[in-house]
Amino acid sequence: MTDQLLIAGGGMGGLAAAIACRRAGWQARLYERTEALREVGAGIQLGPNATRILREWGLGDALRAVAAQPRELHVRDGVGGQEVGTLRLGPTFTQRYGAPYLTVHRADLQAVLLEGAQRAGAELHLGSRIATVLPGPQEVRVEVAESGHDLGAVLVGADGVWSQVRQQVCNDGPPRATGHLAYRTLALQRDLPAALRSEDVTVWLGPRLHVVAYPVRAGEMLNVVAVVQGSTGGAPEDWDQAAAVADLVAAMGPLARPLQHLVAAMPGWRLWALHDRPPLASADQMASGRIALVGDAAHPMRPYLAQGAGMAIEDAAELGRVLAPVAGRPAEVAGALRSYAENRWRRCARVQSRAERNGRIFHATGPVRWGRDLSLRLLGERLLDQPWLYGR
């Protein structure tokens, strides 16, 4: 038990934590409440800050086999249709930051991480929900619904935005509704008109909305996400609600013709209401005693910087780094986890804040919108690139 690490949640953060901590010399036992790690969600963008870590873990080739590597990011006016800014990705980004900018289907990334965790020797328990957490000075005890209990020197909360483990760390209640709705869909590129197919990332900015489109599945599919302001009557925890394109069109209002065609051509829209938390205010919100939080359990953020998965992977890498020297030395765990939180919370808070600010800029109206577009036309890549983020 002295080197046993328990993980609540089998999403990106949980699987990444399992890999990092096995590499650090810990035994890792992961509990996931669903019966299978099924295909959910749609696309994810991974900046060099994340792909660099995955490559260090030996997952680079597997990731590149299922991902797409966009050549450029284009920002367009969602109403007028004109391009207002461009950022070179592809070889330019790889050369600049030493790792690629990739776009990948969530299920494909999950499969790469799952294979990595299993190859590393992590123990996975599906259909197992951690119902109760009982922290103590020498160990953490968890009660697993319908299957007894388990003991570990460390508990990692990777159970997402609606985390139950989080309440053991900072007990701050449920996340907040942002007032934004995300509609998502996927289509085979070969089934789309040639004018709608794309090897690049395109972001359309409109009043109170934005749409992002990019390739996934090694370029075979196009992922589209439209974010509008509004509310839904569905359960707030349900991030896979059925959606009607007519509701999306009504929420978006007048659009540039190419964007109208893109929205109309995409099949099977799904919907979820975005929730987040205020930016982290201290290390105390990421770790307490023998419990540490990673990913959305620690710092759920709005998707306007495309860093949710990236921050979870960074968290896992740092967790593995601080735990490596204390494997088999349980008395030193709390201090190591405190170092983890101190090393991570400011960067995560900055990303949360920047994502929230980007949402206001993306959805701007009136003079702010005009100023945004003028700035992008004049400065382009200097505004769109984020060396402080990708260069780490």
Protein backbone atom coordinates (compact mmCIF):
# COMPACT_ATOMS: atom_id res chain seq x y z
CA MET A 1 0.00 0.00 0.00
CA THR A 2 2.95 2.34 0.53
CA ASP A 3 3.26 2.88 -3.22
CA GLN A 4 -0.40 2.36 -4.16
CA LEU A 5 -2.07 5.25 -5.97
CA LEU A 6 -5.83 5.29 -6.55
CA ILE A 7 -7.43 7.23 -9.39
CA ALA A 8 -11.08 8.26 -9.60
CA GLY A 9 -12.11 8.64 -13.25
CA GLY A 10 -11.05 7.06 -16.53
CA GLY A 11 -11.14 10.08 -18.82
CA MET A 12 -8.15 11.92 -20.27
CA GLY A 13 -6.85 13.13 -16.92
CA GLY A 14 -7.25 9.79 -15.16
CA LEU A 15 -5.57 7.77 -17.89
CA ALA A 16 -2.77 10.32 -18.21
CA ALA A 17 -2.25 10.23 -14.43
CA ALA A 18 -2.08 6.43 -14.55
CA ILE A 19 0.66 6.57 -17.19
CA ALA A 20 2.68 9.28 -15.47
CA CYS A 21 2.49 7.70 -12.03
CA ARG A 22 3.37 4.21 -13.26
CA ARG A 23 6.40 5.76 -14.95
CA ALA A 24 7.22 7.36 -11.59
CA GLY A 25 7.34 3.98 -9.85
CA TRP A 26 3.88 3.89 -8.30
CA GLN A 27 1.26 1.18 -8.51
CA ALA A 28 -1.83 2.70 -10.13
CA ARG A 29 -5.38 1.44 -9.69
CA LEU A 30 -8.02 3.35 -11.66
CA TYR A 31 -11.76 3.27 -10.95
CA GLU A 32 -14.18 4.35 -13.70
CA ARG A 33 -17.93 4.35 -13.09
CA THR A 34 -18.97 3.49 -16.68
CA GLU A 35 -18.98 -0.13 -17.82
CA ALA A 36 -16.88 0.68 -20.89
CA LEU A 37 -14.70 3.54 -22.04
CA ARG A 38 -17.10 4.27 -24.86
CA GLU A 39 -16.75 6.70 -27.71
CA VAL A 40 -18.07 10.05 -26.52
CA GLY A 41 -17.61 13.64 -27.52
CA ALA A 42 -16.02 14.79 -30.71
CA GLY A 43 -12.76 16.59 -31.46
CA ILE A 44 -9.89 17.84 -29.32
CA GLN A 45 -7.10 20.23 -30.24
CA LEU A 46 -3.69 19.41 -28.75
CA GLY A 47 -1.02 22.09 -28.70
CA PRO A 48 2.72 21.38 -28.54
CA ASN A 49 2.64 21.69 -24.74
CA ALA A 50 0.56 18.49 -24.67
CA THR A 51 1.92 16.57 -27.67
CA ARG A 52 5.46 17.04 -26.34
CA ILE A 53 4.50 15.16 -23.16
CA LEU A 54 2.69 12.39 -25.03
CA ARG A 55 5.77 11.89 -27.18
CA GLU A 56 7.95 11.68 -24.05
CA TRP A 57 5.63 8.93 -22.79
CA GLY A 58 6.22 6.95 -25.98
CA LEU A 59 2.77 7.67 -27.43
CA GLY A 60 3.79 9.98 -30.26
CA ASP A 61 3.58 7.44 -33.08
CA ALA A 62 0.23 6.06 -31.93
CA LEU A 63 -1.17 9.58 -31.68
CA ARG A 64 0.09 10.67 -35.08
CA ALA A 65 -1.53 7.57 -36.64
CA VAL A 66 -5.03 8.72 -35.61
CA ALA A 67 -4.66 12.52 -35.50
CA ALA A 68 -4.60 15.22 -38.16
CA GLN A 69 -1.93 17.91 -38.38
CA PRO A 70 -3.58 21.10 -39.66
CA ARG A 71 -1.43 23.39 -41.79
CA GLU A 72 -3.01 26.66 -40.66
CA LEU A 73 -5.59 28.24 -38.39
CA HIS A 74 -7.92 30.67 -40.15
CA VAL A 75 -10.12 33.20 -38.35
CA ARG A 76 -13.12 34.40 -40.36
CA ASP A 77 -15.98 36.84 -39.85
CA GLY A 78 -19.07 34.73 -39.20
CA VAL A 79 -21.38 37.33 -40.76
CA GLY A 80 -19.38 38.83 -43.61
CA GLY A 81 -17.35 35.71 -44.35
CA GLN A 82 -13.97 37.41 -44.91
CA GLU A 83 -10.77 36.13 -43.35
CA VAL A 84 -9.41 38.38 -40.60
CA GLY A 85 -6.37 36.44 -39.36
CA THR A 86 -4.16 33.40 -39.97
CA LEU A 87 -1.75 31.37 -37.84
CA ARG A 88 0.67 28.95 -39.46
CA LEU A 89 0.61 25.53 -37.79
CA GLY A 90 1.99 22.37 -39.43
CA PRO A 91 5.79 22.28 -39.86
CA THR A 92 6.08 25.90 -38.68
CA PHE A 93 4.72 25.04 -35.23
CA THR A 94 6.73 21.84 -34.98
CA GLN A 95 9.92 23.72 -35.75
CA ARG A 96 9.05 26.61 -33.43
CA TYR A 97 8.02 24.54 -30.40
CA GLY A 98 9.63 21.17 -30.96
CA ALA A 99 6.31 19.31 -31.10
CA PRO A 100 3.27 19.36 -33.43
CA TYR A 101 -0.16 20.94 -33.16
CA LEU A 102 -2.62 18.08 -33.69
CA THR A 103 -6.39 17.63 -33.86
CA VAL A 104 -7.83 14.30 -32.78
CA HIS A 105 -11.14 12.61 -32.05
CA ARG A 106 -11.71 12.33 -28.31
CA ALA A 107 -12.26 8.58 -28.56
CA ASP A 108 -8.99 8.13 -30.45
CA LEU A 109 -7.01 10.06 -27.85
CA GLN A 110 -8.72 8.07 -25.12
CA ALA A 111 -7.75 4.82 -26.89
CA VAL A 112 -4.11 5.94 -27.18
CA LEU A 113 -4.00 6.83 -23.48
CA LEU A 114 -5.78 3.61 -22.50
CA GLU A 115 -3.27 1.51 -24.39
CA GLY A 116 -0.46 3.49 -22.81
CA ALA A 117 -1.88 2.98 -19.31
CA GLN A 118 -2.35 -0.75 -19.83
CA ARG A 119 1.11 -1.14 -21.32
CA ALA A 120 2.54 0.70 -18.31
CA GLY A 121 0.86 -1.79 -16.00
CA ALA A 122 -1.97 0.30 -14.56
CA GLU A 123 -4.89 -1.67 -13.12
CA LEU A 124 -8.29 -0.58 -14.51
CA HIS A 125 -11.66 -1.28 -12.89
CA LEU A 126 -14.63 -0.37 -15.09
CA GLY A 127 -18.17 -0.15 -13.77
CA SER A 128 -16.71 0.83 -10.40
CA ARG A 129 -17.82 4.08 -8.81
CA ILE A 130 -15.96 5.54 -5.83
CA ALA A 131 -18.88 6.37 -3.56
CA THR A 132 -17.09 7.59 -0.42
CA VAL A 133 -13.66 9.00 0.32
CA LEU A 134 -12.24 8.74 3.84
CA PRO A 135 -8.88 10.55 4.05
CA GLY A 136 -6.56 9.78 6.93
CA PRO A 137 -3.05 10.76 8.04
CA GLN A 138 -1.47 7.48 6.85
CA GLU A 139 -3.72 6.47 3.94
CA VAL A 140 -6.83 7.24 1.93
CA ARG A 141 -9.70 4.78 2.11
CA VAL A 142 -12.33 4.71 -0.63
CA GLU A 143 -15.60 2.84 -0.65
CA VAL A 144 -16.35 1.47 -4.11
CA ALA A 145 -20.04 1.01 -4.87
CA GLU A 146 -21.02 -2.67 -4.77
CA SER A 147 -17.44 -3.96 -4.57
CA GLY A 148 -16.04 -3.10 -1.15
CA HIS A 149 -13.21 -0.74 -0.29
CA ASP A 150 -9.64 0.06 -1.23
CA LEU A 151 -6.67 1.76 0.41
CA GLY A 152 -3.97 3.92 -1.12
CA ALA A 153 -1.20 6.29 -0.16
CA VAL A 154 -2.55 8.78 -2.74
CA LEU A 155 -5.94 9.48 -4.28
CA VAL A 156 -6.09 11.34 -7.59
CA GLY A 157 -9.42 12.99 -8.38
CA ALA A 158 -9.83 12.88 -12.15
CA ASP A 159 -13.60 12.65 -12.13
CA GLY A 160 -14.37 15.68 -14.26
CA VAL A 161 -16.23 18.94 -13.91
CA TRP A 162 -18.85 17.39 -11.60
CA SER A 163 -16.13 15.85 -9.41
CA GLN A 164 -17.13 14.27 -6.12
CA VAL A 165 -13.52 13.92 -4.99
CA ARG A 166 -13.14 17.70 -5.30
CA GLN A 167 -15.43 18.19 -2.34
CA GLN A 168 -12.84 16.45 -0.15
CA VAL A 169 -10.27 19.04 -1.23
CA CYS A 170 -12.11 22.35 -1.22
CA ASN A 171 -15.85 21.62 -0.70
CA ASP A 172 -17.00 24.46 -2.92
CA GLY A 173 -20.18 22.95 -4.35
CA PRO A 174 -21.17 22.41 -7.97
CA PRO A 175 -19.65 24.19 -10.98
CA ARG A 176 -21.31 27.28 -12.42
CA ALA A 177 -23.34 27.49 -15.61
CA THR A 178 -21.66 29.74 -18.18
CA GLY A 179 -24.80 30.55 -20.17
CA HIS A 180 -23.18 29.07 -23.28
CA LEU A 181 -24.36 26.03 -25.24
CA ALA A 182 -22.03 23.91 -27.36
CA TYR A 183 -23.46 22.10 -30.38
CA ARG A 184 -21.15 19.49 -31.91
CA THR A 185 -21.18 17.17 -34.91
CA LEU A 186 -18.94 15.05 -37.14
CA ALA A 187 -19.09 14.15 -40.82
CA LEU A 188 -17.01 12.09 -43.20
CA GLN A 189 -15.12 14.55 -45.36
CA ARG A 190 -15.82 12.48 -48.49
CA ASP A 191 -19.55 12.96 -47.91
CA LEU A 192 -19.27 16.75 -47.82
CA PRO A 193 -19.18 19.09 -50.84
CA ALA A 194 -15.59 19.78 -51.87
CA ALA A 195 -15.88 23.43 -50.78
CA LEU A 196 -16.63 22.37 -47.19
CA ARG A 197 -13.80 19.87 -46.75
CA SER A 198 -10.80 21.12 -44.83
CA GLU A 199 -7.31 20.17 -43.69
CA ASP A 200 -7.07 23.29 -41.53
CA VAL A 201 -8.63 24.75 -38.38
CA THR A 202 -11.21 27.43 -39.16
CA VAL A 203 -12.78 29.63 -36.50
CA TRP A 204 -15.82 31.74 -37.42
CA LEU A 205 -16.51 34.65 -35.04
CA GLY A 206 -19.96 36.23 -34.86
CA PRO A 207 -22.04 38.27 -32.43
CA ARG A 208 -22.63 36.13 -29.31
CA LEU A 209 -21.38 32.98 -31.07
CA HIS A 210 -18.46 31.23 -32.69
CA VAL A 211 -17.96 28.08 -34.75
CA VAL A 212 -14.78 26.01 -35.05
CA ALA A 213 -14.14 23.30 -37.63
CA TYR A 214 -11.12 21.02 -38.04
CA PRO A 215 -10.18 17.53 -39.27
CA VAL A 216 -9.95 14.45 -37.05
CA ARG A 217 -9.53 10.70 -37.61
CA ALA A 218 -6.34 11.22 -39.63
CA GLY A 219 -8.20 13.80 -41.71
CA GLU A 220 -11.06 11.50 -42.72
CA MET A 221 -13.68 13.35 -40.68
CA LEU A 222 -14.55 16.99 -40.07
CA ASN A 223 -15.39 18.03 -36.51
CA VAL A 224 -17.58 21.11 -36.05
CA VAL A 225 -18.49 22.80 -32.76
CA ALA A 226 -20.81 25.81 -32.57
CA VAL A 227 -21.05 27.73 -29.30
CA VAL A 228 -23.99 30.07 -28.77
CA GLN A 229 -25.39 31.88 -25.75
CA GLY A 230 -28.49 30.35 -24.21
CA SER A 231 -29.78 27.62 -21.93
CA THR A 232 -31.18 24.12 -22.22
CA GLY A 233 -33.84 22.24 -20.30
CA GLY A 234 -31.75 19.08 -20.10
CA ALA A 235 -29.87 17.83 -17.06
CA PRO A 236 -26.82 20.05 -16.53
CA GLU A 237 -24.53 17.01 -16.14
CA ASP A 238 -25.62 15.56 -19.52
CA TRP A 239 -23.08 16.59 -22.13
CA ASP A 240 -24.56 14.41 -24.87
CA GLN A 241 -28.06 15.75 -25.38
CA ALA A 242 -29.95 15.45 -28.65
CA ALA A 243 -30.10 18.72 -30.60
CA ALA A 244 -32.00 20.08 -33.57
CA VAL A 245 -30.20 22.06 -36.26
CA ALA A 246 -33.24 24.38 -36.45
CA ASP A 247 -32.61 25.45 -32.85
CA LEU A 248 -28.97 26.11 -33.63
CA VAL A 249 -29.78 28.15 -36.74
CA ALA A 250 -32.31 30.21 -34.80
CA ALA A 251 -29.77 30.89 -32.04
CA MET A 252 -27.06 31.93 -34.50
CA GLY A 253 -29.01 34.47 -36.54
CA PRO A 254 -27.70 35.80 -39.88
CA LEU A 255 -24.50 34.07 -41.05
CA ALA A 256 -22.09 34.23 -43.95
CA ARG A 257 -23.23 31.95 -46.76
CA PRO A 258 -20.27 29.51 -46.48
CA LEU A 259 -20.98 29.09 -42.79
CA GLN A 260 -24.68 28.56 -43.46
CA HIS A 261 -23.75 25.80 -45.92
CA LEU A 262 -21.41 24.18 -43.40
CA VAL A 263 -24.01 24.11 -40.64
CA ALA A 264 -26.70 22.77 -42.99
CA ALA A 265 -24.44 20.02 -44.37
CA MET A 266 -23.44 18.53 -41.02
CA PRO A 267 -25.51 15.63 -39.65
CA GLY A 268 -26.55 14.55 -36.17
CA TRP A 269 -25.94 17.53 -33.93
CA ARG A 270 -25.50 16.93 -30.18
CA LEU A 271 -25.61 19.50 -27.40
CA TRP A 272 -24.26 20.25 -23.95
CA ALA A 273 -24.43 23.21 -21.60
CA LEU A 274 -20.98 24.51 -20.68
CA HIS A 275 -20.04 24.70 -17.00
CA ASP A 276 -16.84 25.92 -15.40
CA ARG A 277 -15.44 27.32 -12.18
CA PRO A 278 -13.71 30.62 -11.44
CA PRO A 279 -9.95 30.54 -12.03
CA LEU A 280 -7.98 28.84 -9.28
CA ALA A 281 -7.15 31.17 -6.41
CA SER A 282 -4.61 29.05 -4.51
CA ALA A 283 -2.82 25.71 -4.34
CA ASP A 284 -5.38 24.61 -1.75
CA GLN A 285 -7.87 24.06 -4.56
CA MET A 286 -5.69 21.42 -6.23
CA ALA A 287 -4.45 19.27 -3.35
CA SER A 288 -5.14 18.53 0.29
CA GLY A 289 -3.26 15.97 2.35
CA ARG A 290 -3.08 12.77 0.33
CA ILE A 291 -5.60 13.86 -2.33
CA ALA A 292 -4.75 15.69 -5.56
CA LEU A 293 -7.00 16.88 -8.37
CA VAL A 294 -6.20 16.85 -12.09
CA GLY A 295 -7.92 18.15 -15.20
CA ASP A 296 -11.52 19.33 -15.03
CA ALA A 297 -11.86 18.19 -11.43
CA ALA A 298 -9.28 20.85 -10.54
CA HIS A 299 -9.81 23.61 -13.09
CA PRO A 300 -12.75 23.19 -15.48
CA MET A 301 -12.43 25.84 -18.14
CA ARG A 302 -14.25 27.25 -21.12
CA PRO A 303 -13.14 25.84 -24.49
CA TYR A 304 -11.95 29.15 -25.97
CA LEU A 305 -8.25 28.35 -25.66
CA ALA A 306 -8.57 24.65 -26.60
CA GLN A 307 -6.57 23.60 -23.52
CA GLY A 308 -8.84 21.39 -21.42
CA ALA A 309 -7.09 18.15 -22.42
CA GLY A 310 -3.72 19.87 -22.58
CA MET A 311 -3.90 21.06 -18.98
CA ALA A 312 -4.98 17.59 -17.80
CA ILE A 313 -1.97 16.04 -19.52
CA GLU A 314 0.33 18.69 -18.03
CA ASP A 315 -1.16 18.03 -14.58
CA ALA A 316 -0.48 14.31 -14.91
CA ALA A 317 3.11 14.88 -15.99
CA GLU A 318 3.80 17.18 -13.02
CA LEU A 319 2.09 14.76 -10.63
CA GLY A 320 4.36 11.97 -11.83
CA ARG A 321 7.41 14.23 -11.47
CA VAL A 322 6.76 15.14 -7.82
CA LEU A 323 5.71 11.62 -6.81
CA ALA A 324 8.71 9.85 -8.33
CA PRO A 325 11.10 10.71 -5.45
CA VAL A 326 8.60 9.59 -2.77
CA ALA A 327 7.53 6.20 -4.18
CA GLY A 328 7.47 3.80 -1.24
CA ARG A 329 7.78 6.68 1.25
CA PRO A 330 4.19 7.46 2.24
CA ALA A 331 5.16 9.88 4.99
CA GLU A 332 6.39 12.32 2.33
CA VAL A 333 3.32 12.17 0.08
CA ALA A 334 1.49 15.22 1.45
CA GLY A 335 4.54 17.42 0.90
CA ALA A 336 4.94 16.14 -2.66
CA LEU A 337 1.30 16.82 -3.47
CA ARG A 338 1.63 20.29 -1.99
CA SER A 339 4.53 20.89 -4.38
CA TYR A 340 2.41 19.62 -7.25
CA ALA A 341 -0.35 22.11 -6.45
CA GLU A 342 2.07 25.01 -5.95
CA ASN A 343 3.75 24.25 -9.27
CA ARG A 344 0.48 24.04 -11.22
CA TRP A 345 -2.20 26.36 -9.89
CA ARG A 346 -0.94 29.67 -11.27
CA ARG A 347 -0.47 28.37 -14.79
CA CYS A 348 -3.87 26.67 -14.75
CA ALA A 349 -5.50 29.84 -13.40
CA ARG A 350 -3.90 31.84 -16.20
CA VAL A 351 -5.27 29.43 -18.80
CA GLN A 352 -8.72 29.54 -17.21
CA SER A 353 -8.68 33.34 -17.20
CA ARG A 354 -7.43 33.60 -20.77
CA ALA A 355 -10.07 31.14 -21.97
CA GLU A 356 -12.82 33.14 -20.28
CA ARG A 357 -11.49 36.37 -21.78
CA ASN A 358 -11.27 34.77 -25.23
CA GLY A 359 -14.95 33.86 -24.98
CA ARG A 360 -15.85 37.52 -24.50
CA ILE A 361 -13.65 38.49 -27.44
CA PHE A 362 -14.94 35.71 -29.70
CA HIS A 363 -18.57 36.63 -29.02
CA ALA A 364 -18.09 40.40 -29.04
CA THR A 365 -20.60 42.81 -30.57
CA GLY A 366 -20.46 46.42 -31.76
CA PRO A 367 -17.23 48.44 -31.45
CA VAL A 368 -15.41 45.66 -29.58
CA ARG A 369 -16.06 43.29 -32.47
CA TRP A 370 -14.79 45.82 -35.00
CA GLY A 371 -11.68 46.48 -32.93
CA ARG A 372 -11.02 42.76 -32.61
CA ASP A 373 -11.18 42.20 -36.36
CA LEU A 374 -9.00 45.22 -37.08
CA SER A 375 -6.38 44.01 -34.60
CA LEU A 376 -6.36 40.56 -36.18
CA ARG A 377 -5.93 42.03 -39.65
CA LEU A 378 -3.02 44.19 -38.51
CA LEU A 379 -1.24 41.80 -36.14
CA GLY A 380 -2.51 38.35 -37.20
CA GLU A 381 -0.04 35.72 -36.08
CA ARG A 382 1.37 37.87 -33.27
CA LEU A 383 -2.05 37.82 -31.59
CA LEU A 384 -2.99 34.24 -32.39
CA ASP A 385 0.23 32.53 -31.32
CA GLN A 386 0.73 31.83 -27.59
CA PRO A 387 4.44 31.23 -26.87
CA TRP A 388 3.87 31.40 -23.09
CA LEU A 389 1.51 28.44 -23.46
CA TYR A 390 2.98 26.26 -26.20
CA GLY A 391 6.64 26.80 -25.45
CA ARG A 392 6.64 25.29 -22.00
